[in-house]
Amino acid sequence: MEDLQIYIYTYLAALVGVIPPGLVNMSVAKTCLERGRRNGILMAFGASSIVFFQALLAVLISKFIFSNPYVKNIFLQAGIAILILMFIYFLLSANYKKTQRNIKKRTGTKSFFTGVLVSAINIFPIPYFVLIATLLSNNFKIRFSLYTDLFFALSAALGTLTTLYFYVIFMMRIGGKTELFKRYSNYFMAVLMLILIVVTWFRL
């Protein structure tokens, strides 16, 4: 029964947590539109594999994080630095974007590892899953062990993968109506990074 509780709550939390536009899901959508459904799915798998380790780390340090506000601020400060770098990258990419005809399509392997990289620099799932793990522990009296830690991380990865897959399906369905997004995708990502920087700054 405890395993089922962990799976349901963590899976739903991960699924819902990825729905709002963010670095990972927008990167998957961008890849899907520019390089096709297969590359989008592979990127989603790569991103979700990192979420597994992020969730595992989160459940291991949940009590430590909430008992040490200084450590929590360090995570947020690191996030701001990464977001600023991403903002600059997308802004420069938007101003120096080559035509799609001249861009060599990435192989599936590169799309997978791009998903791994994008998800790895997105540290926001860690405090999110720290909160989920703490709520499960305090409100549902779940005692985390090595087995339940791994089960928690797997549920988080599967929930993330589900939402990212829906993003791929949605983008492929509206493929003919996304020219505006394709043309200004790097500007869109730059604005998204700027919003996340402001939000993170206020959280500090």
N, C-alpha and C. Protein backbone atom coordinates (compact mmCIF):
# COMPACT_ATOMS: atom_id res chain seq x y z
N MET A 1 0.84 -1.21 0.00
CA MET A 1 0.00 0.00 0.00
C MET A 1 0.87 1.26 0.00
N GLU A 2 1.96 1.21 0.77
CA GLU A 2 2.88 2.34 0.84
C GLU A 2 3.53 2.58 -0.52
N ASP A 3 3.90 1.50 -1.20
CA ASP A 3 4.50 1.62 -2.53
C ASP A 3 3.53 2.28 -3.50
N LEU A 4 2.27 1.89 -3.42
CA LEU A 4 1.25 2.46 -4.31
C LEU A 4 1.06 3.94 -4.03
N GLN A 5 1.07 4.33 -2.76
CA GLN A 5 0.96 5.73 -2.41
C GLN A 5 2.12 6.54 -2.99
N ILE A 6 3.33 6.03 -2.83
CA ILE A 6 4.51 6.72 -3.35
C ILE A 6 4.39 6.89 -4.86
N TYR A 7 4.00 5.79 -5.54
CA TYR A 7 3.92 5.85 -7.00
C TYR A 7 2.88 6.87 -7.45
N ILE A 8 1.67 6.80 -6.90
CA ILE A 8 0.58 7.67 -7.35
C ILE A 8 0.91 9.14 -7.11
N TYR A 9 1.29 9.46 -5.88
CA TYR A 9 1.53 10.87 -5.53
C TYR A 9 2.75 11.44 -6.26
N THR A 10 3.81 10.65 -6.33
CA THR A 10 5.03 11.15 -6.98
C THR A 10 4.85 11.25 -8.48
N TYR A 11 4.19 10.24 -9.06
CA TYR A 11 3.94 10.25 -10.51
C TYR A 11 3.09 11.46 -10.89
N LEU A 12 2.02 11.69 -10.15
CA LEU A 12 1.13 12.82 -10.45
C LEU A 12 1.84 14.16 -10.23
N ALA A 13 2.65 14.23 -9.17
CA ALA A 13 3.38 15.47 -8.88
C ALA A 13 4.36 15.79 -10.00
N ALA A 14 5.06 14.76 -10.50
CA ALA A 14 6.01 14.96 -11.59
C ALA A 14 5.29 15.33 -12.88
N LEU A 15 4.17 14.63 -13.14
CA LEU A 15 3.40 14.90 -14.35
C LEU A 15 2.89 16.33 -14.39
N VAL A 16 2.33 16.79 -13.28
CA VAL A 16 1.79 18.14 -13.21
C VAL A 16 2.91 19.18 -13.20
N GLY A 17 4.03 18.86 -12.55
CA GLY A 17 5.11 19.81 -12.41
C GLY A 17 5.77 20.20 -13.72
N VAL A 18 5.66 19.33 -14.74
CA VAL A 18 6.30 19.61 -16.03
C VAL A 18 5.34 20.27 -17.01
N ILE A 19 4.07 20.39 -16.66
CA ILE A 19 3.09 20.97 -17.58
C ILE A 19 3.36 22.44 -17.88
N PRO A 20 3.64 23.29 -16.87
CA PRO A 20 3.90 24.71 -17.19
C PRO A 20 5.14 24.84 -18.08
N PRO A 21 5.15 25.80 -19.00
CA PRO A 21 6.33 25.98 -19.88
C PRO A 21 7.60 26.18 -19.07
N GLY A 22 8.60 25.40 -19.38
CA GLY A 22 9.88 25.48 -18.68
C GLY A 22 11.01 25.13 -19.63
N LEU A 23 12.22 25.12 -19.11
CA LEU A 23 13.39 24.87 -19.94
C LEU A 23 13.33 23.52 -20.64
N VAL A 24 13.00 22.47 -19.90
CA VAL A 24 13.04 21.12 -20.45
C VAL A 24 11.92 20.88 -21.47
N ASN A 25 10.66 21.16 -21.09
CA ASN A 25 9.56 20.85 -22.01
C ASN A 25 9.58 21.73 -23.25
N MET A 26 10.01 22.99 -23.12
CA MET A 26 10.10 23.85 -24.29
C MET A 26 11.26 23.44 -25.21
N SER A 27 12.34 22.92 -24.61
CA SER A 27 13.45 22.41 -25.41
C SER A 27 13.03 21.16 -26.19
N VAL A 28 12.24 20.31 -25.54
CA VAL A 28 11.73 19.11 -26.22
C VAL A 28 10.80 19.52 -27.36
N ALA A 29 9.92 20.49 -27.11
CA ALA A 29 9.01 20.97 -28.15
C ALA A 29 9.79 21.56 -29.32
N LYS A 30 10.81 22.33 -29.03
CA LYS A 30 11.64 22.96 -30.06
C LYS A 30 12.34 21.90 -30.90
N THR A 31 12.90 20.89 -30.24
CA THR A 31 13.58 19.80 -30.95
C THR A 31 12.61 19.02 -31.81
N CYS A 32 11.43 18.78 -31.27
CA CYS A 32 10.41 18.03 -32.01
C CYS A 32 10.03 18.74 -33.30
N LEU A 33 9.85 20.05 -33.23
CA LEU A 33 9.45 20.83 -34.39
C LEU A 33 10.57 20.93 -35.43
N GLU A 34 11.80 21.05 -34.95
CA GLU A 34 12.91 21.27 -35.86
C GLU A 34 13.51 19.97 -36.41
N ARG A 35 13.43 18.88 -35.61
CA ARG A 35 14.12 17.65 -36.01
C ARG A 35 13.23 16.41 -36.02
N GLY A 36 11.95 16.59 -35.77
CA GLY A 36 11.03 15.48 -35.90
C GLY A 36 10.66 14.79 -34.60
N ARG A 37 9.65 13.95 -34.69
CA ARG A 37 9.08 13.28 -33.52
C ARG A 37 10.09 12.36 -32.84
N ARG A 38 10.85 11.60 -33.62
CA ARG A 38 11.80 10.64 -33.04
C ARG A 38 12.82 11.34 -32.15
N ASN A 39 13.38 12.44 -32.65
CA ASN A 39 14.37 13.17 -31.86
C ASN A 39 13.75 13.81 -30.63
N GLY A 40 12.50 14.25 -30.75
CA GLY A 40 11.81 14.81 -29.60
C GLY A 40 11.61 13.78 -28.50
N ILE A 41 11.22 12.56 -28.89
CA ILE A 41 11.00 11.48 -27.92
C ILE A 41 12.31 11.08 -27.26
N LEU A 42 13.38 10.97 -28.07
CA LEU A 42 14.68 10.60 -27.51
C LEU A 42 15.19 11.66 -26.53
N MET A 43 14.93 12.92 -26.86
CA MET A 43 15.32 13.99 -25.95
C MET A 43 14.52 13.90 -24.66
N ALA A 44 13.24 13.55 -24.75
CA ALA A 44 12.39 13.38 -23.57
C ALA A 44 12.92 12.25 -22.68
N PHE A 45 13.37 11.15 -23.30
CA PHE A 45 13.94 10.04 -22.54
C PHE A 45 15.22 10.47 -21.83
N GLY A 46 16.06 11.24 -22.55
CA GLY A 46 17.29 11.73 -21.94
C GLY A 46 17.03 12.63 -20.75
N ALA A 47 16.05 13.55 -20.91
CA ALA A 47 15.70 14.46 -19.82
C ALA A 47 15.13 13.71 -18.63
N SER A 48 14.28 12.73 -18.90
CA SER A 48 13.64 11.97 -17.82
C SER A 48 14.65 11.12 -17.04
N SER A 49 15.68 10.65 -17.72
CA SER A 49 16.70 9.85 -17.03
C SER A 49 17.43 10.68 -15.98
N ILE A 50 17.63 11.97 -16.27
CA ILE A 50 18.27 12.85 -15.29
C ILE A 50 17.32 13.14 -14.13
N VAL A 51 16.02 13.25 -14.43
CA VAL A 51 15.03 13.49 -13.37
C VAL A 51 15.07 12.36 -12.35
N PHE A 52 15.34 11.14 -12.80
CA PHE A 52 15.47 10.00 -11.87
C PHE A 52 16.52 10.30 -10.81
N PHE A 53 17.69 10.76 -11.24
CA PHE A 53 18.78 11.04 -10.30
C PHE A 53 18.51 12.29 -9.47
N GLN A 54 17.83 13.28 -10.09
CA GLN A 54 17.48 14.49 -9.34
C GLN A 54 16.50 14.17 -8.23
N ALA A 55 15.50 13.33 -8.53
CA ALA A 55 14.51 12.95 -7.53
C ALA A 55 15.15 12.10 -6.43
N LEU A 56 16.09 11.23 -6.82
CA LEU A 56 16.78 10.40 -5.84
C LEU A 56 17.61 11.28 -4.90
N LEU A 57 18.30 12.25 -5.48
CA LEU A 57 19.06 13.20 -4.65
C LEU A 57 18.13 13.98 -3.73
N ALA A 58 16.98 14.39 -4.27
CA ALA A 58 16.03 15.19 -3.50
C ALA A 58 15.52 14.44 -2.28
N VAL A 59 15.17 13.18 -2.46
CA VAL A 59 14.61 12.43 -1.34
C VAL A 59 15.68 12.13 -0.29
N LEU A 60 16.93 12.05 -0.72
CA LEU A 60 18.02 11.78 0.22
C LEU A 60 18.36 13.00 1.09
N ILE A 61 18.16 14.19 0.53
CA ILE A 61 18.56 15.40 1.25
C ILE A 61 17.37 16.26 1.70
N SER A 62 16.16 15.71 1.64
CA SER A 62 14.97 16.51 1.94
C SER A 62 15.02 17.12 3.34
N LYS A 63 15.34 16.34 4.35
CA LYS A 63 15.39 16.88 5.71
C LYS A 63 16.54 17.87 5.87
N PHE A 64 17.64 17.58 5.25
CA PHE A 64 18.82 18.45 5.36
C PHE A 64 18.56 19.81 4.73
N ILE A 65 17.89 19.81 3.57
CA ILE A 65 17.60 21.06 2.87
C ILE A 65 16.71 21.97 3.72
N PHE A 66 15.64 21.42 4.28
CA PHE A 66 14.68 22.25 5.01
C PHE A 66 15.19 22.68 6.38
N SER A 67 16.19 21.97 6.90
CA SER A 67 16.75 22.37 8.18
C SER A 67 17.93 23.32 8.00
N ASN A 68 18.33 23.57 6.73
CA ASN A 68 19.45 24.47 6.44
C ASN A 68 19.08 25.43 5.32
N PRO A 69 18.49 26.58 5.67
CA PRO A 69 18.09 27.56 4.63
C PRO A 69 19.27 28.03 3.79
N TYR A 70 20.47 28.04 4.37
CA TYR A 70 21.66 28.48 3.63
C TYR A 70 21.91 27.60 2.41
N VAL A 71 21.75 26.28 2.61
CA VAL A 71 21.96 25.33 1.51
C VAL A 71 20.91 25.54 0.43
N LYS A 72 19.67 25.80 0.85
CA LYS A 72 18.59 26.06 -0.10
C LYS A 72 18.91 27.28 -0.95
N ASN A 73 19.45 28.34 -0.33
CA ASN A 73 19.82 29.54 -1.07
C ASN A 73 20.96 29.28 -2.04
N ILE A 74 21.88 28.41 -1.67
CA ILE A 74 22.98 28.06 -2.57
C ILE A 74 22.44 27.42 -3.84
N PHE A 75 21.45 26.53 -3.70
CA PHE A 75 20.82 25.90 -4.86
C PHE A 75 20.18 26.95 -5.76
N LEU A 76 19.47 27.89 -5.15
CA LEU A 76 18.79 28.92 -5.94
C LEU A 76 19.78 29.86 -6.62
N GLN A 77 20.87 30.20 -5.94
CA GLN A 77 21.88 31.07 -6.53
C GLN A 77 22.56 30.40 -7.72
N ALA A 78 22.82 29.11 -7.58
CA ALA A 78 23.40 28.36 -8.70
C ALA A 78 22.43 28.33 -9.87
N GLY A 79 21.14 28.21 -9.56
CA GLY A 79 20.12 28.21 -10.60
C GLY A 79 20.07 29.53 -11.35
N ILE A 80 20.21 30.65 -10.63
CA ILE A 80 20.20 31.96 -11.28
C ILE A 80 21.39 32.08 -12.24
N ALA A 81 22.56 31.65 -11.80
CA ALA A 81 23.76 31.74 -12.65
C ALA A 81 23.58 30.94 -13.94
N ILE A 82 23.02 29.73 -13.80
CA ILE A 82 22.80 28.89 -14.98
C ILE A 82 21.78 29.52 -15.92
N LEU A 83 20.71 30.07 -15.35
CA LEU A 83 19.66 30.68 -16.16
C LEU A 83 20.17 31.91 -16.92
N ILE A 84 21.04 32.69 -16.29
CA ILE A 84 21.61 33.86 -16.96
C ILE A 84 22.44 33.42 -18.17
N LEU A 85 23.23 32.36 -17.99
CA LEU A 85 24.03 31.84 -19.10
C LEU A 85 23.13 31.33 -20.23
N MET A 86 22.02 30.65 -19.85
CA MET A 86 21.09 30.14 -20.85
C MET A 86 20.39 31.29 -21.58
N PHE A 87 20.05 32.35 -20.84
CA PHE A 87 19.42 33.53 -21.44
C PHE A 87 20.33 34.13 -22.50
N ILE A 88 21.61 34.29 -22.17
CA ILE A 88 22.58 34.85 -23.11
C ILE A 88 22.73 33.94 -24.33
N TYR A 89 22.78 32.63 -24.08
CA TYR A 89 22.94 31.67 -25.18
C TYR A 89 21.78 31.76 -26.17
N PHE A 90 20.54 31.73 -25.66
CA PHE A 90 19.39 31.76 -26.56
C PHE A 90 19.27 33.10 -27.27
N LEU A 91 19.63 34.17 -26.58
CA LEU A 91 19.58 35.48 -27.20
C LEU A 91 20.58 35.58 -28.35
N LEU A 92 21.78 35.07 -28.13
CA LEU A 92 22.80 35.08 -29.19
C LEU A 92 22.41 34.15 -30.33
N SER A 93 21.82 32.99 -29.97
CA SER A 93 21.39 32.03 -31.00
C SER A 93 20.29 32.63 -31.88
N ALA A 94 19.41 33.41 -31.27
CA ALA A 94 18.32 34.01 -32.03
C ALA A 94 18.85 35.04 -33.03
N ASN A 95 19.91 35.72 -32.68
CA ASN A 95 20.49 36.73 -33.56
C ASN A 95 21.46 36.15 -34.58
N TYR A 96 21.84 34.90 -34.38
CA TYR A 96 22.80 34.28 -35.28
C TYR A 96 22.30 32.91 -35.72
N LYS A 97 21.02 32.88 -36.09
CA LYS A 97 20.40 31.61 -36.44
C LYS A 97 20.51 31.33 -37.93
N LYS A 98 21.03 30.18 -38.25
CA LYS A 98 21.14 29.78 -39.65
C LYS A 98 19.80 29.22 -40.13
N THR A 99 19.62 29.20 -41.42
CA THR A 99 18.39 28.64 -41.97
C THR A 99 18.35 27.15 -41.72
N GLN A 100 17.15 26.62 -41.65
CA GLN A 100 16.98 25.20 -41.35
C GLN A 100 17.61 24.32 -42.42
N ARG A 101 17.70 24.80 -43.65
CA ARG A 101 18.26 24.00 -44.71
C ARG A 101 19.74 23.74 -44.50
N ASN A 102 20.40 24.68 -43.84
CA ASN A 102 21.83 24.55 -43.63
C ASN A 102 22.19 23.84 -42.34
N ILE A 103 21.17 23.51 -41.56
CA ILE A 103 21.42 22.83 -40.29
C ILE A 103 21.36 21.32 -40.50
N LYS A 104 22.42 20.67 -40.10
CA LYS A 104 22.45 19.22 -40.22
C LYS A 104 21.64 18.61 -39.09
N LYS A 105 20.73 17.73 -39.41
CA LYS A 105 19.87 17.14 -38.39
C LYS A 105 20.70 16.28 -37.43
N ARG A 106 20.39 16.41 -36.17
CA ARG A 106 21.10 15.64 -35.17
C ARG A 106 20.65 14.19 -35.20
N THR A 107 21.59 13.33 -34.84
CA THR A 107 21.23 11.93 -34.75
C THR A 107 20.44 11.71 -33.47
N GLY A 108 19.83 10.52 -33.38
CA GLY A 108 19.05 10.21 -32.18
C GLY A 108 19.90 10.24 -30.93
N THR A 109 21.16 9.76 -31.03
CA THR A 109 22.05 9.75 -29.87
C THR A 109 22.31 11.15 -29.37
N LYS A 110 22.55 12.09 -30.29
CA LYS A 110 22.81 13.47 -29.88
C LYS A 110 21.57 14.10 -29.25
N SER A 111 20.39 13.76 -29.76
CA SER A 111 19.16 14.29 -29.17
C SER A 111 18.98 13.77 -27.75
N PHE A 112 19.31 12.49 -27.53
CA PHE A 112 19.20 11.91 -26.19
C PHE A 112 20.11 12.63 -25.22
N PHE A 113 21.36 12.83 -25.61
CA PHE A 113 22.32 13.47 -24.72
C PHE A 113 22.06 14.97 -24.59
N THR A 114 21.42 15.57 -25.59
CA THR A 114 20.99 16.96 -25.43
C THR A 114 19.93 17.05 -24.34
N GLY A 115 19.01 16.08 -24.33
CA GLY A 115 18.01 16.03 -23.26
C GLY A 115 18.65 15.85 -21.90
N VAL A 116 19.68 15.00 -21.84
CA VAL A 116 20.41 14.79 -20.59
C VAL A 116 21.04 16.10 -20.12
N LEU A 117 21.69 16.82 -21.05
CA LEU A 117 22.36 18.07 -20.71
C LEU A 117 21.38 19.15 -20.25
N VAL A 118 20.30 19.32 -21.02
CA VAL A 118 19.31 20.35 -20.68
C VAL A 118 18.69 20.06 -19.31
N SER A 119 18.38 18.80 -19.05
CA SER A 119 17.76 18.44 -17.77
C SER A 119 18.75 18.58 -16.62
N ALA A 120 20.03 18.31 -16.89
CA ALA A 120 21.05 18.37 -15.84
C ALA A 120 21.28 19.81 -15.36
N ILE A 121 21.19 20.77 -16.28
CA ILE A 121 21.41 22.17 -15.87
C ILE A 121 20.15 22.81 -15.29
N ASN A 122 19.04 22.08 -15.36
CA ASN A 122 17.78 22.56 -14.78
C ASN A 122 17.65 21.98 -13.38
N ILE A 123 18.06 22.76 -12.38
CA ILE A 123 18.11 22.24 -11.00
C ILE A 123 16.79 22.40 -10.25
N PHE A 124 15.80 23.02 -10.87
CA PHE A 124 14.55 23.31 -10.17
C PHE A 124 13.76 22.07 -9.74
N PRO A 125 13.86 20.93 -10.45
CA PRO A 125 13.15 19.74 -9.95
C PRO A 125 13.64 19.27 -8.59
N ILE A 126 14.90 19.59 -8.23
CA ILE A 126 15.43 19.09 -6.96
C ILE A 126 14.65 19.66 -5.77
N PRO A 127 14.54 21.00 -5.62
CA PRO A 127 13.74 21.50 -4.49
C PRO A 127 12.27 21.10 -4.58
N TYR A 128 11.77 20.93 -5.80
CA TYR A 128 10.37 20.52 -5.97
C TYR A 128 10.17 19.11 -5.40
N PHE A 129 11.07 18.19 -5.74
CA PHE A 129 10.93 16.82 -5.24
C PHE A 129 11.34 16.71 -3.76
N VAL A 130 12.17 17.63 -3.30
CA VAL A 130 12.44 17.69 -1.86
C VAL A 130 11.15 17.96 -1.12
N LEU A 131 10.37 18.91 -1.62
CA LEU A 131 9.08 19.23 -1.01
C LEU A 131 8.12 18.05 -1.06
N ILE A 132 8.05 17.38 -2.21
CA ILE A 132 7.15 16.22 -2.35
C ILE A 132 7.55 15.12 -1.38
N ALA A 133 8.85 14.84 -1.29
CA ALA A 133 9.33 13.79 -0.38
C ALA A 133 9.02 14.14 1.06
N THR A 134 9.18 15.41 1.43
CA THR A 134 8.90 15.85 2.79
C THR A 134 7.41 15.72 3.12
N LEU A 135 6.56 16.09 2.17
CA LEU A 135 5.11 15.96 2.37
C LEU A 135 4.71 14.50 2.54
N LEU A 136 5.29 13.63 1.73
CA LEU A 136 4.98 12.20 1.85
C LEU A 136 5.42 11.65 3.20
N SER A 137 6.58 12.13 3.64
CA SER A 137 7.11 11.65 4.91
C SER A 137 6.32 12.17 6.10
N ASN A 138 5.96 13.45 6.07
CA ASN A 138 5.28 14.07 7.22
C ASN A 138 3.77 13.81 7.24
N ASN A 139 3.13 13.93 6.08
CA ASN A 139 1.67 13.83 6.03
C ASN A 139 1.16 12.40 5.89
N PHE A 140 1.95 11.56 5.23
CA PHE A 140 1.49 10.18 5.00
C PHE A 140 2.32 9.16 5.79
N LYS A 141 3.23 9.68 6.62
CA LYS A 141 4.04 8.82 7.51
C LYS A 141 4.79 7.73 6.74
N ILE A 142 5.24 8.07 5.55
CA ILE A 142 6.00 7.11 4.75
C ILE A 142 7.46 7.14 5.19
N ARG A 143 7.98 5.96 5.50
CA ARG A 143 9.38 5.86 5.89
C ARG A 143 10.21 5.47 4.67
N PHE A 144 11.10 6.36 4.29
CA PHE A 144 11.89 6.12 3.10
C PHE A 144 13.09 5.22 3.42
N SER A 145 13.22 4.18 2.61
CA SER A 145 14.37 3.28 2.67
C SER A 145 15.03 3.30 1.30
N LEU A 146 16.06 2.49 1.13
CA LEU A 146 16.74 2.45 -0.18
C LEU A 146 15.76 2.04 -1.27
N TYR A 147 14.90 1.06 -0.97
CA TYR A 147 13.92 0.59 -1.96
C TYR A 147 12.91 1.67 -2.31
N THR A 148 12.34 2.32 -1.28
CA THR A 148 11.34 3.35 -1.54
C THR A 148 11.96 4.60 -2.16
N ASP A 149 13.24 4.87 -1.84
CA ASP A 149 13.94 5.98 -2.49
C ASP A 149 14.02 5.77 -4.00
N LEU A 150 14.40 4.57 -4.39
CA LEU A 150 14.50 4.24 -5.81
C LEU A 150 13.13 4.25 -6.48
N PHE A 151 12.13 3.77 -5.76
CA PHE A 151 10.75 3.75 -6.29
C PHE A 151 10.24 5.17 -6.48
N PHE A 152 10.55 6.04 -5.54
CA PHE A 152 10.18 7.45 -5.62
C PHE A 152 10.83 8.08 -6.86
N ALA A 153 12.11 7.84 -7.06
CA ALA A 153 12.83 8.42 -8.20
C ALA A 153 12.30 7.90 -9.52
N LEU A 154 11.99 6.59 -9.57
CA LEU A 154 11.45 6.01 -10.80
C LEU A 154 10.08 6.60 -11.13
N SER A 155 9.24 6.79 -10.12
CA SER A 155 7.92 7.38 -10.32
C SER A 155 8.03 8.80 -10.85
N ALA A 156 9.00 9.56 -10.32
CA ALA A 156 9.22 10.93 -10.77
C ALA A 156 9.66 10.96 -12.23
N ALA A 157 10.55 10.05 -12.60
CA ALA A 157 11.03 9.99 -13.98
C ALA A 157 9.92 9.61 -14.95
N LEU A 158 9.08 8.65 -14.55
CA LEU A 158 7.98 8.22 -15.42
C LEU A 158 6.93 9.31 -15.57
N GLY A 159 6.64 10.03 -14.50
CA GLY A 159 5.69 11.13 -14.58
C GLY A 159 6.19 12.23 -15.51
N THR A 160 7.48 12.54 -15.41
CA THR A 160 8.08 13.55 -16.29
C THR A 160 8.04 13.09 -17.74
N LEU A 161 8.39 11.84 -17.98
CA LEU A 161 8.40 11.30 -19.34
C LEU A 161 7.01 11.34 -19.96
N THR A 162 6.00 11.06 -19.16
CA THR A 162 4.62 11.08 -19.67
C THR A 162 4.24 12.46 -20.19
N THR A 163 4.51 13.49 -19.38
CA THR A 163 4.17 14.85 -19.81
C THR A 163 4.98 15.28 -21.02
N LEU A 164 6.27 14.96 -21.04
CA LEU A 164 7.11 15.32 -22.19
C LEU A 164 6.64 14.62 -23.46
N TYR A 165 6.18 13.39 -23.32
CA TYR A 165 5.66 12.66 -24.48
C TYR A 165 4.39 13.33 -25.01
N PHE A 166 3.54 13.80 -24.10
CA PHE A 166 2.34 14.53 -24.53
C PHE A 166 2.71 15.83 -25.25
N TYR A 167 3.79 16.46 -24.80
CA TYR A 167 4.28 17.65 -25.49
C TYR A 167 4.66 17.31 -26.93
N VAL A 168 5.36 16.18 -27.11
CA VAL A 168 5.77 15.75 -28.45
C VAL A 168 4.55 15.49 -29.32
N ILE A 169 3.58 14.76 -28.78
CA ILE A 169 2.36 14.44 -29.53
C ILE A 169 1.62 15.72 -29.92
N PHE A 170 1.51 16.64 -28.97
CA PHE A 170 0.80 17.90 -29.22
C PHE A 170 1.49 18.70 -30.31
N MET A 171 2.80 18.79 -30.25
CA MET A 171 3.55 19.55 -31.25
C MET A 171 3.43 18.94 -32.64
N MET A 172 3.42 17.63 -32.72
CA MET A 172 3.29 16.98 -34.02
C MET A 172 1.88 17.16 -34.58
N ARG A 173 0.89 17.22 -33.71
CA ARG A 173 -0.50 17.39 -34.15
C ARG A 173 -0.72 18.78 -34.75
N ILE A 174 -0.06 19.78 -34.16
CA ILE A 174 -0.27 21.15 -34.64
C ILE A 174 0.91 21.62 -35.49
N GLY A 175 1.65 20.66 -36.02
CA GLY A 175 2.87 20.96 -36.76
C GLY A 175 2.75 22.07 -37.78
N GLY A 176 1.70 22.10 -38.55
CA GLY A 176 1.55 23.10 -39.60
C GLY A 176 1.22 24.48 -39.08
N LYS A 177 0.90 24.59 -37.81
CA LYS A 177 0.50 25.88 -37.24
C LYS A 177 1.56 26.47 -36.31
N THR A 178 2.78 25.94 -36.39
CA THR A 178 3.81 26.36 -35.43
C THR A 178 4.95 27.11 -36.09
N GLU A 179 4.74 27.68 -37.27
CA GLU A 179 5.80 28.41 -37.94
C GLU A 179 6.30 29.58 -37.10
N LEU A 180 5.39 30.24 -36.41
CA LEU A 180 5.77 31.38 -35.58
C LEU A 180 6.71 30.94 -34.46
N PHE A 181 6.37 29.81 -33.84
CA PHE A 181 7.20 29.29 -32.77
C PHE A 181 8.57 28.88 -33.30
N LYS A 182 8.58 28.23 -34.47
CA LYS A 182 9.85 27.83 -35.07
C LYS A 182 10.74 29.04 -35.35
N ARG A 183 10.14 30.08 -35.89
CA ARG A 183 10.90 31.25 -36.32
C ARG A 183 11.48 32.01 -35.13
N TYR A 184 10.69 32.07 -34.05
CA TYR A 184 11.12 32.87 -32.91
C TYR A 184 11.36 32.01 -31.65
N SER A 185 11.66 30.74 -31.85
CA SER A 185 11.81 29.84 -30.72
C SER A 185 12.94 30.26 -29.78
N ASN A 186 14.06 30.72 -30.33
CA ASN A 186 15.18 31.12 -29.48
C ASN A 186 14.85 32.37 -28.68
N TYR A 187 14.10 33.30 -29.28
CA TYR A 187 13.65 34.47 -28.54
C TYR A 187 12.70 34.05 -27.42
N PHE A 188 11.81 33.10 -27.73
CA PHE A 188 10.87 32.61 -26.74
C PHE A 188 11.61 31.98 -25.57
N MET A 189 12.64 31.17 -25.86
CA MET A 189 13.42 30.53 -24.80
C MET A 189 14.17 31.56 -23.98
N ALA A 190 14.68 32.62 -24.63
CA ALA A 190 15.39 33.68 -23.92
C ALA A 190 14.46 34.40 -22.94
N VAL A 191 13.24 34.70 -23.40
CA VAL A 191 12.25 35.35 -22.52
C VAL A 191 11.89 34.44 -21.36
N LEU A 192 11.74 33.14 -21.64
CA LEU A 192 11.43 32.17 -20.60
C LEU A 192 12.54 32.15 -19.54
N MET A 193 13.81 32.17 -19.99
CA MET A 193 14.93 32.20 -19.05
C MET A 193 14.88 33.46 -18.20
N LEU A 194 14.53 34.59 -18.81
CA LEU A 194 14.46 35.86 -18.08
C LEU A 194 13.38 35.79 -17.00
N ILE A 195 12.23 35.21 -17.34
CA ILE A 195 11.14 35.07 -16.36
C ILE A 195 11.58 34.20 -15.19
N LEU A 196 12.25 33.09 -15.50
CA LEU A 196 12.72 32.18 -14.45
C LEU A 196 13.77 32.84 -13.57
N ILE A 197 14.62 33.68 -14.18
CA ILE A 197 15.62 34.42 -13.40
C ILE A 197 14.93 35.33 -12.39
N VAL A 198 13.91 36.06 -12.84
CA VAL A 198 13.18 36.99 -11.96
C VAL A 198 12.48 36.23 -10.83
N VAL A 199 11.82 35.11 -11.19
CA VAL A 199 11.11 34.31 -10.18
C VAL A 199 12.08 33.78 -9.14
N THR A 200 13.22 33.26 -9.60
CA THR A 200 14.21 32.70 -8.69
C THR A 200 14.80 33.78 -7.79
N TRP A 201 15.00 34.96 -8.37
CA TRP A 201 15.55 36.08 -7.60
C TRP A 201 14.61 36.46 -6.46
N PHE A 202 13.31 36.49 -6.73
CA PHE A 202 12.34 36.81 -5.68
C PHE A 202 12.26 35.71 -4.63
N ARG A 203 12.47 34.47 -5.06
CA ARG A 203 12.45 33.35 -4.10
C ARG A 203 13.63 33.45 -3.14
N LEU A 204 14.74 34.04 -3.60
CA LEU A 204 15.88 34.24 -2.72
C LEU A 204 15.59 35.28 -1.64
